Amino acid sequence: RLKPEDTAIYYCAASPRALLPMNPNEYD
């Protein structure tokens, strides 16, 4: 059910943090 506002470049990332990382700077 994609919407026009979903348009973007999508990135996957991996994080070693123990607490839920919700910010890009928490991913290495």
PDB file of all heavy atoms in Angstrom:
ATOM      1  N   ARG A   1       0.836  -1.206   0.000  1.00  0.00           N
ATOM      2  CA  ARG A   1       0.000   0.000   0.000  1.00  0.00           C
ATOM      3  C   ARG A   1       0.865   1.247   0.000  1.00  0.00           C
ATOM      4  O   ARG A   1       0.671   2.177   0.780  1.00  0.00           O
ATOM      5  CB  ARG A   1      -0.939  -0.032   1.203  1.00  0.00           C
ATOM      6  CG  ARG A   1      -1.891  -1.227   1.213  1.00  0.00           C
ATOM      7  CD  ARG A   1      -2.627  -1.366   2.528  1.00  0.00           C
ATOM      8  NE  ARG A   1      -3.438  -0.204   2.821  1.00  0.00           N
ATOM      9  CZ  ARG A   1      -4.037   0.008   3.982  1.00  0.00           C
ATOM     10  NH1 ARG A   1      -3.897  -0.878   4.966  1.00  0.00           N
ATOM     11  NH2 ARG A   1      -4.765   1.093   4.154  1.00  0.00           N
ATOM     12  N   LEU A   2       1.813   1.262  -0.909  1.00  0.00           N
ATOM     13  CA  LEU A   2       2.765   2.366  -0.978  1.00  0.00           C
ATOM     14  C   LEU A   2       2.084   3.676  -1.346  1.00  0.00           C
ATOM     15  O   LEU A   2       1.111   3.703  -2.105  1.00  0.00           O
ATOM     16  CB  LEU A   2       3.862   2.044  -1.985  1.00  0.00           C
ATOM     17  CG  LEU A   2       4.906   1.043  -1.480  1.00  0.00           C
ATOM     18  CD1 LEU A   2       5.660   0.417  -2.646  1.00  0.00           C
ATOM     19  CD2 LEU A   2       5.870   1.732  -0.516  1.00  0.00           C
ATOM     20  N   LYS A   3       2.622   4.749  -0.795  1.00  0.00           N
ATOM     21  CA  LYS A   3       2.112   6.091  -1.009  1.00  0.00           C
ATOM     22  C   LYS A   3       3.204   6.964  -1.620  1.00  0.00           C
ATOM     23  O   LYS A   3       4.390   6.693  -1.430  1.00  0.00           O
ATOM     24  CB  LYS A   3       1.652   6.712   0.315  1.00  0.00           C
ATOM     25  CG  LYS A   3       0.628   5.890   1.079  1.00  0.00           C
ATOM     26  CD  LYS A   3       0.343   6.516   2.432  1.00  0.00           C
ATOM     27  CE  LYS A   3      -0.668   5.707   3.217  1.00  0.00           C
ATOM     28  NZ  LYS A   3      -0.940   6.308   4.548  1.00  0.00           N
ATOM     29  N   PRO A   4       2.831   8.029  -2.328  1.00  0.00           N
ATOM     30  CA  PRO A   4       3.847   8.918  -2.895  1.00  0.00           C
ATOM     31  C   PRO A   4       4.825   9.442  -1.844  1.00  0.00           C
ATOM     32  O   PRO A   4       6.008   9.626  -2.158  1.00  0.00           O
ATOM     33  CB  PRO A   4       3.017  10.057  -3.493  1.00  0.00           C
ATOM     34  CG  PRO A   4       1.740   9.389  -3.891  1.00  0.00           C
ATOM     35  CD  PRO A   4       1.482   8.400  -2.776  1.00  0.00           C
ATOM     36  N   GLU A   5       4.375   9.658  -0.620  1.00  0.00           N
ATOM     37  CA  GLU A   5       5.258  10.155   0.421  1.00  0.00           C
ATOM     38  C   GLU A   5       6.276   9.121   0.893  1.00  0.00           C
ATOM     39  O   GLU A   5       7.166   9.443   1.680  1.00  0.00           O
ATOM     40  CB  GLU A   5       4.456  10.685   1.622  1.00  0.00           C
ATOM     41  CG  GLU A   5       3.418   9.719   2.140  1.00  0.00           C
ATOM     42  CD  GLU A   5       2.024  10.014   1.597  1.00  0.00           C
ATOM     43  OE1 GLU A   5       1.900  10.261   0.382  1.00  0.00           O
ATOM     44  OE2 GLU A   5       1.064  10.001   2.395  1.00  0.00           O
ATOM     45  N   ASP A   6       6.162   7.888   0.420  1.00  0.00           N
ATOM     46  CA  ASP A   6       7.167   6.869   0.710  1.00  0.00           C
ATOM     47  C   ASP A   6       8.373   6.987  -0.222  1.00  0.00           C
ATOM     48  O   ASP A   6       9.375   6.291  -0.029  1.00  0.00           O
ATOM     49  CB  ASP A   6       6.575   5.464   0.583  1.00  0.00           C
ATOM     50  CG  ASP A   6       5.514   5.171   1.623  1.00  0.00           C
ATOM     51  OD1 ASP A   6       5.701   5.550   2.794  1.00  0.00           O
ATOM     52  OD2 ASP A   6       4.491   4.550   1.262  1.00  0.00           O
ATOM     53  N   THR A   7       8.267   7.834  -1.234  1.00  0.00           N
ATOM     54  CA  THR A   7       9.355   8.002  -2.193  1.00  0.00           C
ATOM     55  C   THR A   7      10.616   8.493  -1.490  1.00  0.00           C
ATOM     56  O   THR A   7      10.598   9.512  -0.794  1.00  0.00           O
ATOM     57  CB  THR A   7       8.955   8.987  -3.295  1.00  0.00           C
ATOM     58  OG1 THR A   7       7.876   8.441  -4.056  1.00  0.00           O
ATOM     59  CG2 THR A   7      10.128   9.264  -4.227  1.00  0.00           C
ATOM     60  N   ALA A   8      11.707   7.772  -1.669  1.00  0.00           N
ATOM     61  CA  ALA A   8      12.967   8.105  -1.014  1.00  0.00           C
ATOM     62  C   ALA A   8      14.021   7.092  -1.422  1.00  0.00           C
ATOM     63  O   ALA A   8      13.724   6.084  -2.066  1.00  0.00           O
ATOM     64  CB  ALA A   8      12.804   8.098   0.510  1.00  0.00           C
ATOM     65  N   ILE A   9      15.247   7.368  -1.029  1.00  0.00           N
ATOM     66  CA  ILE A   9      16.287   6.360  -1.108  1.00  0.00           C
ATOM     67  C   ILE A   9      16.256   5.594   0.206  1.00  0.00           C
ATOM     68  O   ILE A   9      16.283   6.200   1.278  1.00  0.00           O
ATOM     69  CB  ILE A   9      17.681   6.981  -1.327  1.00  0.00           C
ATOM     70  CG1 ILE A   9      17.712   7.760  -2.638  1.00  0.00           C
ATOM     71  CG2 ILE A   9      18.746   5.896  -1.344  1.00  0.00           C
ATOM     72  CD1 ILE A   9      19.019   8.493  -2.881  1.00  0.00           C
ATOM     73  N   TYR A  10      16.194   4.292   0.112  1.00  0.00           N
ATOM     74  CA  TYR A  10      16.117   3.443   1.294  1.00  0.00           C
ATOM     75  C   TYR A  10      17.473   2.802   1.562  1.00  0.00           C
ATOM     76  O   TYR A  10      18.109   2.259   0.658  1.00  0.00           O
ATOM     77  CB  TYR A  10      15.051   2.366   1.116  1.00  0.00           C
ATOM     78  CG  TYR A  10      13.648   2.892   1.284  1.00  0.00           C
ATOM     79  CD1 TYR A  10      13.087   3.754   0.345  1.00  0.00           C
ATOM     80  CD2 TYR A  10      12.878   2.541   2.399  1.00  0.00           C
ATOM     81  CE1 TYR A  10      11.811   4.256   0.508  1.00  0.00           C
ATOM     82  CE2 TYR A  10      11.591   3.034   2.570  1.00  0.00           C
ATOM     83  CZ  TYR A  10      11.064   3.897   1.620  1.00  0.00           C
ATOM     84  OH  TYR A  10       9.788   4.390   1.776  1.00  0.00           O
ATOM     85  N   TYR A  11      17.906   2.869   2.812  1.00  0.00           N
ATOM     86  CA  TYR A  11      19.186   2.330   3.230  1.00  0.00           C
ATOM     87  C   TYR A  11      18.986   1.295   4.331  1.00  0.00           C
ATOM     88  O   TYR A  11      18.145   1.476   5.212  1.00  0.00           O
ATOM     89  CB  TYR A  11      20.091   3.424   3.797  1.00  0.00           C
ATOM     90  CG  TYR A  11      20.409   4.558   2.856  1.00  0.00           C
ATOM     91  CD1 TYR A  11      19.574   5.668   2.759  1.00  0.00           C
ATOM     92  CD2 TYR A  11      21.566   4.530   2.083  1.00  0.00           C
ATOM     93  CE1 TYR A  11      19.877   6.720   1.911  1.00  0.00           C
ATOM     94  CE2 TYR A  11      21.874   5.585   1.235  1.00  0.00           C
ATOM     95  CZ  TYR A  11      21.025   6.674   1.157  1.00  0.00           C
ATOM     96  OH  TYR A  11      21.329   7.720   0.318  1.00  0.00           O
ATOM     97  N   CYS A  12      19.772   0.238   4.302  1.00  0.00           N
ATOM     98  CA  CYS A  12      19.813  -0.650   5.450  1.00  0.00           C
ATOM     99  C   CYS A  12      21.079  -0.355   6.233  1.00  0.00           C
ATOM    100  O   CYS A  12      22.064   0.158   5.696  1.00  0.00           O
ATOM    101  CB  CYS A  12      19.739  -2.131   5.046  1.00  0.00           C
ATOM    102  SG  CYS A  12      21.167  -2.770   4.143  1.00  0.00           S
ATOM    103  N   ALA A  13      21.046  -0.652   7.524  1.00  0.00           N
ATOM    104  CA  ALA A  13      22.160  -0.330   8.400  1.00  0.00           C
ATOM    105  C   ALA A  13      22.247  -1.338   9.537  1.00  0.00           C
ATOM    106  O   ALA A  13      21.252  -1.973   9.891  1.00  0.00           O
ATOM    107  CB  ALA A  13      22.001   1.083   8.958  1.00  0.00           C
ATOM    108  N   ALA A  14      23.437  -1.456  10.107  1.00  0.00           N
ATOM    109  CA  ALA A  14      23.685  -2.369  11.216  1.00  0.00           C
ATOM    110  C   ALA A  14      24.247  -1.602  12.400  1.00  0.00           C
ATOM    111  O   ALA A  14      25.105  -0.731  12.235  1.00  0.00           O
ATOM    112  CB  ALA A  14      24.656  -3.469  10.794  1.00  0.00           C
ATOM    113  N   SER A  15      23.770  -1.938  13.604  1.00  0.00           N
ATOM    114  CA  SER A  15      24.182  -1.239  14.805  1.00  0.00           C
ATOM    115  C   SER A  15      24.623  -2.213  15.897  1.00  0.00           C
ATOM    116  O   SER A  15      23.964  -3.229  16.118  1.00  0.00           O
ATOM    117  CB  SER A  15      23.038  -0.380  15.344  1.00  0.00           C
ATOM    118  OG  SER A  15      23.382   0.209  16.583  1.00  0.00           O
ATOM    119  N   PRO A  16      25.723  -1.907  16.593  1.00  0.00           N
ATOM    120  CA  PRO A  16      26.170  -2.733  17.713  1.00  0.00           C
ATOM    121  C   PRO A  16      25.611  -2.278  19.060  1.00  0.00           C
ATOM    122  O   PRO A  16      25.944  -2.854  20.087  1.00  0.00           O
ATOM    123  CB  PRO A  16      27.690  -2.540  17.674  1.00  0.00           C
ATOM    124  CG  PRO A  16      27.827  -1.103  17.269  1.00  0.00           C
ATOM    125  CD  PRO A  16      26.705  -0.850  16.288  1.00  0.00           C
ATOM    126  N   ARG A  17      24.761  -1.255  19.049  1.00  0.00           N
ATOM    127  CA  ARG A  17      24.240  -0.719  20.300  1.00  0.00           C
ATOM    128  C   ARG A  17      23.358  -1.726  21.031  1.00  0.00           C
ATOM    129  O   ARG A  17      22.640  -2.515  20.401  1.00  0.00           O
ATOM    130  CB  ARG A  17      23.440   0.558  20.053  1.00  0.00           C
ATOM    131  CG  ARG A  17      24.196   1.642  19.306  1.00  0.00           C
ATOM    132  CD  ARG A  17      25.341   2.183  20.134  1.00  0.00           C
ATOM    133  NE  ARG A  17      26.009   3.290  19.440  1.00  0.00           N
ATOM    134  CZ  ARG A  17      25.741   4.567  19.636  1.00  0.00           C
ATOM    135  NH1 ARG A  17      24.810   4.925  20.524  1.00  0.00           N
ATOM    136  NH2 ARG A  17      26.390   5.496  18.962  1.00  0.00           N
ATOM    137  N   ALA A  18      23.391  -1.671  22.341  1.00  0.00           N
ATOM    138  CA  ALA A  18      22.586  -2.568  23.166  1.00  0.00           C
ATOM    139  C   ALA A  18      21.168  -2.040  23.356  1.00  0.00           C
ATOM    140  O   ALA A  18      20.234  -2.813  23.568  1.00  0.00           O
ATOM    141  CB  ALA A  18      23.252  -2.784  24.517  1.00  0.00           C
ATOM    142  N   LEU A  19      21.015  -0.716  23.300  1.00  0.00           N
ATOM    143  CA  LEU A  19      19.706  -0.089  23.421  1.00  0.00           C
ATOM    144  C   LEU A  19      19.181   0.240  22.041  1.00  0.00           C
ATOM    145  O   LEU A  19      19.946   0.505  21.122  1.00  0.00           O
ATOM    146  CB  LEU A  19      19.795   1.177  24.279  1.00  0.00           C
ATOM    147  CG  LEU A  19      20.298   0.987  25.705  1.00  0.00           C
ATOM    148  CD1 LEU A  19      20.353   2.332  26.428  1.00  0.00           C
ATOM    149  CD2 LEU A  19      19.410   0.022  26.469  1.00  0.00           C
ATOM    150  N   LEU A  20      17.862   0.245  21.903  1.00  0.00           N
ATOM    151  CA  LEU A  20      17.229   0.466  20.609  1.00  0.00           C
ATOM    152  C   LEU A  20      17.779   1.725  19.944  1.00  0.00           C
ATOM    153  O   LEU A  20      17.600   2.832  20.446  1.00  0.00           O
ATOM    154  CB  LEU A  20      15.720   0.582  20.788  1.00  0.00           C
ATOM    155  CG  LEU A  20      14.911   0.845  19.527  1.00  0.00           C
ATOM    156  CD1 LEU A  20      15.024  -0.337  18.566  1.00  0.00           C
ATOM    157  CD2 LEU A  20      13.449   1.102  19.889  1.00  0.00           C
ATOM    158  N   PRO A  21      18.417   1.579  18.778  1.00  0.00           N
ATOM    159  CA  PRO A  21      18.986   2.731  18.074  1.00  0.00           C
ATOM    160  C   PRO A  21      18.009   3.271  17.034  1.00  0.00           C
ATOM    161  O   PRO A  21      17.703   2.594  16.054  1.00  0.00           O
ATOM    162  CB  PRO A  21      20.237   2.140  17.417  1.00  0.00           C
ATOM    163  CG  PRO A  21      19.859   0.711  17.145  1.00  0.00           C
ATOM    164  CD  PRO A  21      18.849   0.310  18.198  1.00  0.00           C
ATOM    165  N   MET A  22      17.538   4.487  17.253  1.00  0.00           N
ATOM    166  CA  MET A  22      16.561   5.072  16.355  1.00  0.00           C
ATOM    167  C   MET A  22      17.134   6.200  15.499  1.00  0.00           C
ATOM    168  O   MET A  22      16.441   6.710  14.626  1.00  0.00           O
ATOM    169  CB  MET A  22      15.350   5.584  17.144  1.00  0.00           C
ATOM    170  CG  MET A  22      14.617   4.482  17.911  1.00  0.00           C
ATOM    171  SD  MET A  22      13.146   5.074  18.771  1.00  0.00           S
ATOM    172  CE  MET A  22      12.080   5.474  17.380  1.00  0.00           C
ATOM    173  N   ASN A  23      18.379   6.557  15.747  1.00  0.00           N
ATOM    174  CA  ASN A  23      19.022   7.630  15.016  1.00  0.00           C
ATOM    175  C   ASN A  23      20.112   7.091  14.105  1.00  0.00           C
ATOM    176  O   ASN A  23      20.809   6.151  14.464  1.00  0.00           O
ATOM    177  CB  ASN A  23      19.613   8.663  15.964  1.00  0.00           C
ATOM    178  CG  ASN A  23      18.575   9.306  16.858  1.00  0.00           C
ATOM    179  OD1 ASN A  23      18.661   9.232  18.079  1.00  0.00           O
ATOM    180  ND2 ASN A  23      17.591   9.943  16.258  1.00  0.00           N
ATOM    181  N   PRO A  24      20.287   7.686  12.935  1.00  0.00           N
ATOM    182  CA  PRO A  24      21.316   7.226  12.007  1.00  0.00           C
ATOM    183  C   PRO A  24      22.714   7.184  12.606  1.00  0.00           C
ATOM    184  O   PRO A  24      23.498   6.292  12.264  1.00  0.00           O
ATOM    185  CB  PRO A  24      21.241   8.252  10.860  1.00  0.00           C
ATOM    186  CG  PRO A  24      19.824   8.708  10.877  1.00  0.00           C
ATOM    187  CD  PRO A  24      19.464   8.762  12.343  1.00  0.00           C
ATOM    188  N   ASN A  25      23.032   8.110  13.515  1.00  0.00           N
ATOM    189  CA  ASN A  25      24.379   8.153  14.073  1.00  0.00           C
ATOM    190  C   ASN A  25      24.664   7.012  15.038  1.00  0.00           C
ATOM    191  O   ASN A  25      25.782   6.879  15.531  1.00  0.00           O
ATOM    192  CB  ASN A  25      24.671   9.498  14.743  1.00  0.00           C
ATOM    193  CG  ASN A  25      23.726   9.812  15.888  1.00  0.00           C
ATOM    194  OD1 ASN A  25      22.966   8.958  16.350  1.00  0.00           O
ATOM    195  ND2 ASN A  25      23.769  11.044  16.364  1.00  0.00           N
ATOM    196  N   GLU A  26      23.675   6.181  15.311  1.00  0.00           N
ATOM    197  CA  GLU A  26      23.863   5.019  16.164  1.00  0.00           C
ATOM    198  C   GLU A  26      24.161   3.759  15.359  1.00  0.00           C
ATOM    199  O   GLU A  26      24.280   2.678  15.934  1.00  0.00           O
ATOM    200  CB  GLU A  26      22.631   4.806  17.046  1.00  0.00           C
ATOM    201  CG  GLU A  26      22.366   5.951  18.011  1.00  0.00           C
ATOM    202  CD  GLU A  26      21.105   5.731  18.832  1.00  0.00           C
ATOM    203  OE1 GLU A  26      20.005   6.024  18.322  1.00  0.00           O
ATOM    204  OE2 GLU A  26      21.220   5.253  19.983  1.00  0.00           O
ATOM    205  N   TYR A  27      24.288   3.899  14.057  1.00  0.00           N
ATOM    206  CA  TYR A  27      24.597   2.779  13.182  1.00  0.00           C
ATOM    207  C   TYR A  27      25.985   2.956  12.591  1.00  0.00           C
ATOM    208  O   TYR A  27      26.352   4.050  12.153  1.00  0.00           O
ATOM    209  CB  TYR A  27      23.551   2.661  12.069  1.00  0.00           C
ATOM    210  CG  TYR A  27      22.209   2.197  12.584  1.00  0.00           C
ATOM    211  CD1 TYR A  27      21.369   3.070  13.260  1.00  0.00           C
ATOM    212  CD2 TYR A  27      21.800   0.877  12.416  1.00  0.00           C
ATOM    213  CE1 TYR A  27      20.149   2.637  13.765  1.00  0.00           C
ATOM    214  CE2 TYR A  27      20.586   0.440  12.903  1.00  0.00           C
ATOM    215  CZ  TYR A  27      19.758   1.325  13.585  1.00  0.00           C
ATOM    216  OH  TYR A  27      18.552   0.888  14.070  1.00  0.00           O
ATOM    217  N   ASP A  28      26.750   1.873  12.568  1.00  0.00           N
ATOM    218  CA  ASP A  28      28.134   1.938  12.121  1.00  0.00           C
ATOM    219  C   ASP A  28      28.324   1.544  10.659  1.00  0.00           C
ATOM    220  O   ASP A  28      29.314   1.933  10.047  1.00  0.00           O
ATOM    221  CB  ASP A  28      29.013   1.035  12.992  1.00  0.00           C
ATOM    222  CG  ASP A  28      29.146   1.536  14.416  1.00  0.00           C
ATOM    223  OD1 ASP A  28      28.882   2.730  14.661  1.00  0.00           O
ATOM    224  OD2 ASP A  28      29.524   0.736  15.294  1.00  0.00           O
TER     225      ASP A  28
END
